[in-house]
Amino acid sequence: MPIIVNLDVVMAKRKISATELSEQVGITMANLSILKNNKARAVRFSTLEALCRVLRCQPADILAYEEDPADTETEK
């Protein structure tokens, strides 16, 4: 998947635990785990906004786009 979630990196930089983040953001530990492990298929803007507020960061700090080499091969 070309969208990479760097939530664990931002959490480590901010020295915040998953439990503390889930409580402050208002999402379950299960949903936070899905996000952290890059298994999410979608994220609500309200959740992204809450993550950015609590972590004092920008959406680009959490989400990154990486081109899939397989996609470039099929375009040729």
Protein backbone atom coordinates (compact mmCIF):
# COMPACT_ATOMS: atom_id res chain seq x y z
CA MET A 1 0.00 0.00 0.00
CA PRO A 2 1.54 3.33 -0.99
CA ILE A 3 0.28 5.25 2.08
CA ILE A 4 2.55 4.63 5.05
CA VAL A 5 1.48 5.44 8.62
CA ASN A 6 4.37 6.67 10.74
CA LEU A 7 2.34 6.99 13.92
CA ASP A 8 4.72 4.86 15.97
CA VAL A 9 7.64 7.14 15.01
CA VAL A 10 5.76 10.29 16.04
CA MET A 11 4.64 8.62 19.28
CA ALA A 12 8.24 7.67 20.10
CA LYS A 13 9.45 11.24 19.42
CA ARG A 14 6.71 12.62 21.69
CA LYS A 15 7.31 9.90 24.30
CA ILE A 16 3.63 9.00 24.55
CA SER A 17 2.28 5.50 25.12
CA ALA A 18 -0.42 3.88 23.06
CA THR A 19 -2.71 3.78 26.10
CA GLU A 20 -2.25 7.48 26.81
CA LEU A 21 -2.73 8.41 23.14
CA SER A 22 -5.88 6.31 22.75
CA GLU A 23 -7.39 7.91 25.85
CA GLN A 24 -6.55 11.47 24.79
CA VAL A 25 -7.69 10.97 21.18
CA GLY A 26 -10.79 8.98 22.12
CA ILE A 27 -10.20 5.87 20.02
CA THR A 28 -9.95 2.27 21.12
CA MET A 29 -6.62 0.54 21.58
CA ALA A 30 -7.67 -1.86 18.81
CA ASN A 31 -8.22 0.97 16.31
CA LEU A 32 -4.99 2.66 17.35
CA SER A 33 -3.16 -0.62 16.81
CA ILE A 34 -4.69 -0.94 13.33
CA LEU A 35 -3.40 2.53 12.49
CA LYS A 36 0.05 1.94 13.99
CA ASN A 37 0.51 -1.34 12.15
CA ASN A 38 -0.41 0.17 8.78
CA LYS A 39 -3.52 -2.02 8.48
CA ALA A 40 -6.09 0.79 8.26
CA ARG A 41 -7.99 1.13 5.01
CA ALA A 42 -9.29 4.60 5.94
CA VAL A 43 -9.00 7.22 8.65
CA ARG A 44 -11.56 9.86 9.54
CA PHE A 45 -10.44 13.47 9.36
CA SER A 46 -11.73 13.95 12.90
CA THR A 47 -9.42 11.14 14.10
CA LEU A 48 -6.49 12.56 12.15
CA GLU A 49 -7.21 16.01 13.58
CA ALA A 50 -7.31 14.62 17.14
CA LEU A 51 -4.04 12.72 16.60
CA CYS A 52 -2.36 15.89 15.31
CA ARG A 53 -3.72 17.94 18.21
CA VAL A 54 -2.54 15.51 20.87
CA LEU A 55 0.83 14.80 19.19
CA ARG A 56 1.34 18.47 18.20
CA CYS A 57 2.19 17.56 14.63
CA GLN A 58 1.03 17.88 11.04
CA PRO A 59 -0.79 15.16 9.06
CA ALA A 60 2.35 14.75 6.92
CA ASP A 61 4.27 13.76 10.07
CA ILE A 62 1.92 10.79 10.45
CA LEU A 63 1.14 9.88 6.83
CA ALA A 64 3.56 9.43 3.94
CA TYR A 65 3.18 8.41 0.31
CA GLU A 66 5.59 5.90 -1.17
CA GLU A 67 5.20 4.91 -4.78
CA ASP A 68 4.72 1.19 -5.28
CA PRO A 69 7.39 -0.11 -7.71
CA ALA A 70 4.89 -2.66 -9.05
CA ASP A 71 2.61 0.19 -10.11
CA THR A 72 5.37 1.89 -12.11
CA GLU A 73 6.22 -1.32 -13.89
CA THR A 74 2.65 -1.79 -15.14
CA GLU A 75 2.51 1.79 -16.47
CA LYS A 76 5.40 1.20 -18.90
